[in-house]
Amino acid sequence: MDCTRRGFVSRFGLFCAGVSGVGAWGNPADWARPTLPLAAQHDEHSKQPMTTHASGSEENKLTDAEDVWAKLMAGNARFVAGKPIKRDVVARRGALLGGQHPQVVVLGCSDSRVNPSIIFDQELGDLVEVRAAGNVADAVALGSIEYALEHLTIRIVVILGHERCGAVKLAASGEKMATANLQAVVNKIAPAIAKVHGDHKSQEFLRKAEESNVLQSATDLLANSPIILRETAANNIEIIKAVYSLNTGRVKRLAG
């Protein structure tokens, strides 16, 4: 599916959902915004959400995925330094009444210490967060991501694992879970555990298993979702794998 049709699907989906306010092609006043000096541009960007145009616009579709990732990493650097941007959350909340225009989906763990919007210093409307224990890509997670890809102009899907992940540790234990629901989580992580060798109780093994689990989730996205596979093949989105350090607050991108 080409970007043109994808843009149509996005706008049609937003129309069906009853989104009002800025039109599908964005605000024409934004197109002619004058160029600012570099320092002023940086200052202006720091006050703006990650995307300012409506879903489906040509400018949004042409936004480079690496540029979007760079904005996330700049936000993570602010988080690490303890210098998040000060925001008017009340004004932002009102601005989002007209619709949402995020460019990022984050598939992350439900661990309370790993909040993607805080870690990347983003605000309301910037990230679509899909969270489950062990950042597993089960049917509900896949459906949530697919909905975002069909109705919004998403440029990157970030799979965010983290150090000291309890779900990965549980899967590495090899124990039978108390309920079918817990077993379902462990079963999704098991293939990642099987790819790592060593003492399952060692910290070295668990760190490798956490990274392996992120890569496994990426594999599951492409293997089990024709929509994600289609959008990746068409270069409409990029899947980025990363791990968060509870100790330093830094996000590290994984190769592969």
Protein backbone atom coordinates (compact mmCIF):
# COMPACT_ATOMS: atom_id res chain seq x y z
CA MET A 1 0.00 0.00 0.00
CA ASP A 2 1.50 3.33 -1.00
CA CYS A 3 1.68 6.41 1.18
CA THR A 4 -1.08 8.17 -0.75
CA ARG A 5 -3.62 5.47 0.01
CA ARG A 6 -2.38 5.21 3.57
CA GLY A 7 -3.01 8.93 3.96
CA PHE A 8 -6.56 8.42 2.67
CA VAL A 9 -7.17 5.59 5.12
CA SER A 10 -5.87 7.74 7.96
CA ARG A 11 -8.14 10.66 7.10
CA PHE A 12 -11.14 8.41 6.55
CA GLY A 13 -10.54 6.71 9.89
CA LEU A 14 -10.36 10.05 11.66
CA PHE A 15 -13.57 11.20 9.96
CA CYS A 16 -15.37 8.03 11.05
CA ALA A 17 -14.13 8.50 14.59
CA GLY A 18 -15.75 11.92 14.67
CA VAL A 19 -12.57 13.97 14.96
CA SER A 20 -13.15 17.66 14.41
CA GLY A 21 -11.03 20.80 14.35
CA VAL A 22 -8.04 21.07 12.02
CA GLY A 23 -8.70 19.41 8.69
CA ALA A 24 -6.95 16.33 7.39
CA TRP A 25 -4.50 18.49 5.47
CA GLY A 26 -3.53 20.57 8.48
CA ASN A 27 -3.61 24.31 8.96
CA PRO A 28 -2.59 26.17 5.78
CA ALA A 29 -1.07 28.89 7.97
CA ASP A 30 1.52 26.35 9.13
CA TRP A 31 2.70 25.69 5.58
CA ALA A 32 4.01 29.20 5.11
CA ARG A 33 5.58 29.59 8.54
CA PRO A 34 8.69 31.76 8.13
CA THR A 35 12.13 30.31 8.71
CA LEU A 36 13.62 31.22 12.08
CA PRO A 37 17.29 31.45 13.09
CA LEU A 38 18.66 28.10 14.27
CA ALA A 39 18.61 29.00 17.97
CA ALA A 40 15.07 30.33 17.70
CA GLN A 41 13.99 27.20 15.84
CA HIS A 42 15.34 25.03 18.65
CA ASP A 43 13.57 27.15 21.24
CA GLU A 44 10.32 27.03 19.30
CA HIS A 45 10.55 23.25 18.87
CA SER A 46 11.07 22.74 22.59
CA LYS A 47 7.67 24.33 23.19
CA GLN A 48 5.85 22.34 20.53
CA PRO A 49 4.48 18.79 20.45
CA MET A 50 6.41 16.31 18.33
CA THR A 51 4.02 16.83 15.43
CA THR A 52 2.01 19.92 14.53
CA HIS A 53 0.23 18.78 11.38
CA ALA A 54 -2.86 16.64 11.02
CA SER A 55 -2.63 12.96 10.24
CA GLY A 56 -2.33 12.24 6.55
CA SER A 57 -0.54 15.43 5.48
CA GLU A 58 2.26 15.10 2.95
CA GLU A 59 4.69 16.83 5.29
CA ASN A 60 3.97 14.32 8.05
CA LYS A 61 4.39 11.35 5.74
CA LEU A 62 7.76 12.63 4.57
CA THR A 63 9.10 13.20 8.08
CA ASP A 64 12.21 11.09 8.40
CA ALA A 65 11.87 8.33 10.98
CA GLU A 66 15.38 8.99 12.25
CA ASP A 67 14.47 12.63 12.88
CA VAL A 68 11.52 11.50 14.98
CA TRP A 69 13.80 9.13 16.92
CA ALA A 70 16.33 11.95 17.40
CA LYS A 71 13.62 14.06 19.04
CA LEU A 72 12.86 11.21 21.42
CA MET A 73 16.53 10.85 22.32
CA ALA A 74 16.83 14.60 22.91
CA GLY A 75 13.91 14.26 25.30
CA ASN A 76 15.58 11.31 27.00
CA ALA A 77 18.73 13.40 27.46
CA ARG A 78 16.63 16.06 29.20
CA PHE A 79 15.08 13.38 31.43
CA VAL A 80 18.49 11.98 32.37
CA ALA A 81 19.71 15.49 33.22
CA GLY A 82 16.60 16.20 35.27
CA LYS A 83 15.70 19.14 33.03
CA PRO A 84 12.31 18.35 31.45
CA ILE A 85 10.52 21.04 29.47
CA LYS A 86 8.03 23.07 31.49
CA ARG A 87 4.62 22.72 29.89
CA ASP A 88 1.16 24.23 30.20
CA VAL A 89 -0.75 20.97 30.58
CA VAL A 90 -4.12 22.70 30.79
CA ALA A 91 -3.61 24.51 27.48
CA ARG A 92 -2.24 21.34 25.89
CA ARG A 93 -5.23 19.34 27.06
CA GLY A 94 -7.54 21.85 25.41
CA ALA A 95 -5.50 21.89 22.20
CA LEU A 96 -5.96 18.14 21.84
CA LEU A 97 -9.74 18.36 21.78
CA GLY A 98 -9.52 18.75 18.02
CA GLY A 99 -7.73 15.41 17.59
CA GLN A 100 -4.42 13.64 18.14
CA HIS A 101 -1.48 13.58 15.74
CA PRO A 102 1.33 11.46 17.24
CA GLN A 103 4.12 10.06 15.10
CA VAL A 104 5.31 7.47 17.62
CA VAL A 105 3.97 4.20 18.99
CA VAL A 106 5.79 2.73 21.99
CA LEU A 107 5.31 -0.92 22.87
CA GLY A 108 6.61 -0.99 26.42
CA CYS A 109 6.47 -2.90 29.68
CA SER A 110 3.75 -2.16 32.23
CA ASP A 111 6.40 -1.70 34.94
CA SER A 112 5.51 1.46 36.90
CA ARG A 113 9.10 2.70 36.65
CA VAL A 114 9.08 2.72 32.86
CA ASN A 115 6.71 5.44 31.65
CA PRO A 116 7.57 6.26 28.02
CA SER A 117 6.18 9.81 27.99
CA ILE A 118 8.25 10.72 31.06
CA ILE A 119 11.38 8.86 29.93
CA PHE A 120 11.33 10.63 26.55
CA ASP A 121 10.11 13.94 28.05
CA GLN A 122 7.05 14.12 25.82
CA GLU A 123 3.60 15.45 26.59
CA LEU A 124 -0.06 14.63 26.07
CA GLY A 125 -0.72 13.55 22.50
CA ASP A 126 2.89 12.85 21.53
CA LEU A 127 3.06 9.07 22.05
CA VAL A 128 0.69 6.18 21.53
CA GLU A 129 1.62 3.92 24.45
CA VAL A 130 0.85 0.20 24.32
CA ARG A 131 2.01 -1.44 27.54
CA ALA A 132 1.99 -5.01 28.81
CA ALA A 133 4.16 -7.05 31.15
CA GLY A 134 7.41 -7.86 29.38
CA ASN A 135 6.51 -5.61 26.41
CA VAL A 136 5.00 -8.68 24.76
CA ALA A 137 3.35 -8.38 21.37
CA ASP A 138 0.17 -10.35 22.02
CA ALA A 139 -3.05 -10.05 20.02
CA VAL A 140 -4.34 -7.05 21.99
CA ALA A 141 -1.03 -5.19 21.66
CA LEU A 142 -0.91 -5.93 17.93
CA GLY A 143 -4.46 -4.71 17.45
CA SER A 144 -3.69 -1.50 19.35
CA ILE A 145 -0.66 -0.82 17.16
CA GLU A 146 -2.58 -1.65 14.00
CA TYR A 147 -5.32 0.81 14.96
CA ALA A 148 -2.70 3.56 15.33
CA LEU A 149 -1.12 2.72 11.98
CA GLU A 150 -4.48 2.76 10.20
CA HIS A 151 -5.80 5.99 11.72
CA LEU A 152 -2.72 8.12 12.47
CA THR A 153 0.47 9.02 10.60
CA ILE A 154 2.88 7.00 12.71
CA ARG A 155 6.53 7.10 11.63
CA ILE A 156 8.21 4.86 14.20
CA VAL A 157 7.24 1.97 16.45
CA VAL A 158 9.57 1.76 19.44
CA ILE A 159 9.81 -1.52 21.34
CA LEU A 160 11.06 -0.49 24.77
CA GLY A 161 12.36 -3.13 27.14
CA HIS A 162 14.12 -2.38 30.42
CA GLU A 163 16.62 -3.64 32.95
CA ARG A 164 15.42 -5.76 35.88
CA CYS A 165 12.25 -6.74 34.05
CA GLY A 166 10.18 -8.91 36.38
CA ALA A 167 8.34 -10.61 33.54
CA VAL A 168 11.60 -11.69 31.89
CA LYS A 169 12.94 -12.94 35.22
CA LEU A 170 9.75 -14.92 35.76
CA ALA A 171 10.02 -16.49 32.31
CA ALA A 172 13.66 -17.36 32.92
CA SER A 173 12.76 -19.19 36.13
CA GLY A 174 11.06 -21.97 34.18
CA GLU A 175 8.37 -22.24 36.84
CA LYS A 176 4.78 -23.07 36.01
CA MET A 177 2.58 -20.02 36.50
CA ALA A 178 -0.37 -19.88 38.89
CA THR A 179 -2.89 -18.82 36.22
CA ALA A 180 -3.37 -19.22 32.49
CA ASN A 181 -3.06 -15.46 32.09
CA LEU A 182 0.37 -15.34 33.72
CA GLN A 183 1.40 -18.38 31.70
CA ALA A 184 0.39 -16.57 28.51
CA VAL A 185 2.84 -13.76 29.30
CA VAL A 186 5.64 -16.21 30.08
CA ASN A 187 4.94 -18.19 26.90
CA LYS A 188 5.41 -15.06 24.79
CA ILE A 189 8.80 -14.42 26.39
CA ALA A 190 9.98 -18.04 26.33
CA PRO A 191 11.38 -17.96 22.74
CA ALA A 192 13.63 -15.05 23.72
CA ILE A 193 14.87 -16.92 26.79
CA ALA A 194 15.69 -19.97 24.66
CA LYS A 195 18.10 -17.89 22.54
CA VAL A 196 20.28 -16.94 25.52
CA HIS A 197 22.79 -19.32 27.12
CA GLY A 198 24.15 -19.36 30.65
CA ASP A 199 22.96 -19.38 34.24
CA HIS A 200 19.31 -18.29 34.17
CA LYS A 201 19.67 -16.69 37.60
CA SER A 202 22.73 -14.57 36.81
CA GLN A 203 22.41 -10.84 36.16
CA GLU A 204 24.39 -11.23 32.92
CA PHE A 205 21.90 -13.78 31.63
CA LEU A 206 18.90 -11.64 32.56
CA ARG A 207 20.35 -8.53 30.88
CA LYS A 208 20.89 -10.52 27.67
CA ALA A 209 17.42 -12.05 28.00
CA GLU A 210 15.85 -8.60 28.30
CA GLU A 211 17.49 -7.51 25.05
CA SER A 212 16.58 -10.79 23.39
CA ASN A 213 12.96 -10.26 24.44
CA VAL A 214 12.87 -6.84 22.74
CA LEU A 215 14.15 -8.41 19.53
CA GLN A 216 11.59 -11.22 19.90
CA SER A 217 8.77 -8.69 20.21
CA ALA A 218 9.96 -7.06 16.99
CA THR A 219 9.89 -10.45 15.27
CA ASP A 220 6.38 -11.08 16.59
CA LEU A 221 5.15 -7.74 15.23
CA LEU A 222 6.17 -8.61 11.70
CA ALA A 223 5.22 -12.29 11.90
CA ASN A 224 1.73 -11.79 13.29
CA SER A 225 0.51 -8.49 11.83
CA PRO A 226 -0.01 -8.08 8.08
CA ILE A 227 -0.62 -4.36 8.63
CA ILE A 228 2.68 -3.79 10.44
CA LEU A 229 4.48 -5.90 7.83
CA ARG A 230 2.86 -3.90 5.02
CA GLU A 231 3.70 -0.53 6.54
CA THR A 232 7.29 -1.57 7.24
CA ALA A 233 7.79 -2.92 3.72
CA ALA A 234 6.43 0.33 2.28
CA ASN A 235 8.85 2.33 4.46
CA ASN A 236 5.93 4.10 6.07
CA ILE A 237 7.23 3.14 9.51
CA GLU A 238 10.46 2.01 11.12
CA ILE A 239 10.64 -0.42 14.03
CA ILE A 240 13.20 0.65 16.62
CA LYS A 241 14.36 -1.67 19.42
CA ALA A 242 15.61 -0.17 22.68
CA VAL A 243 16.28 -0.89 26.36
CA TYR A 244 15.85 1.50 29.29
CA SER A 245 18.27 1.61 32.22
CA LEU A 246 16.53 1.97 35.58
CA ASN A 247 19.81 3.16 37.08
CA THR A 248 20.88 5.88 34.65
CA GLY A 249 17.55 6.70 32.98
CA ARG A 250 19.15 6.33 29.56
CA VAL A 251 17.55 4.60 26.59
CA LYS A 252 19.91 2.48 24.50
CA ARG A 253 19.04 1.54 20.94
CA LEU A 254 19.70 -2.09 20.01
CA ALA A 255 21.15 -3.29 16.74
CA GLY A 256 19.37 -5.91 14.69
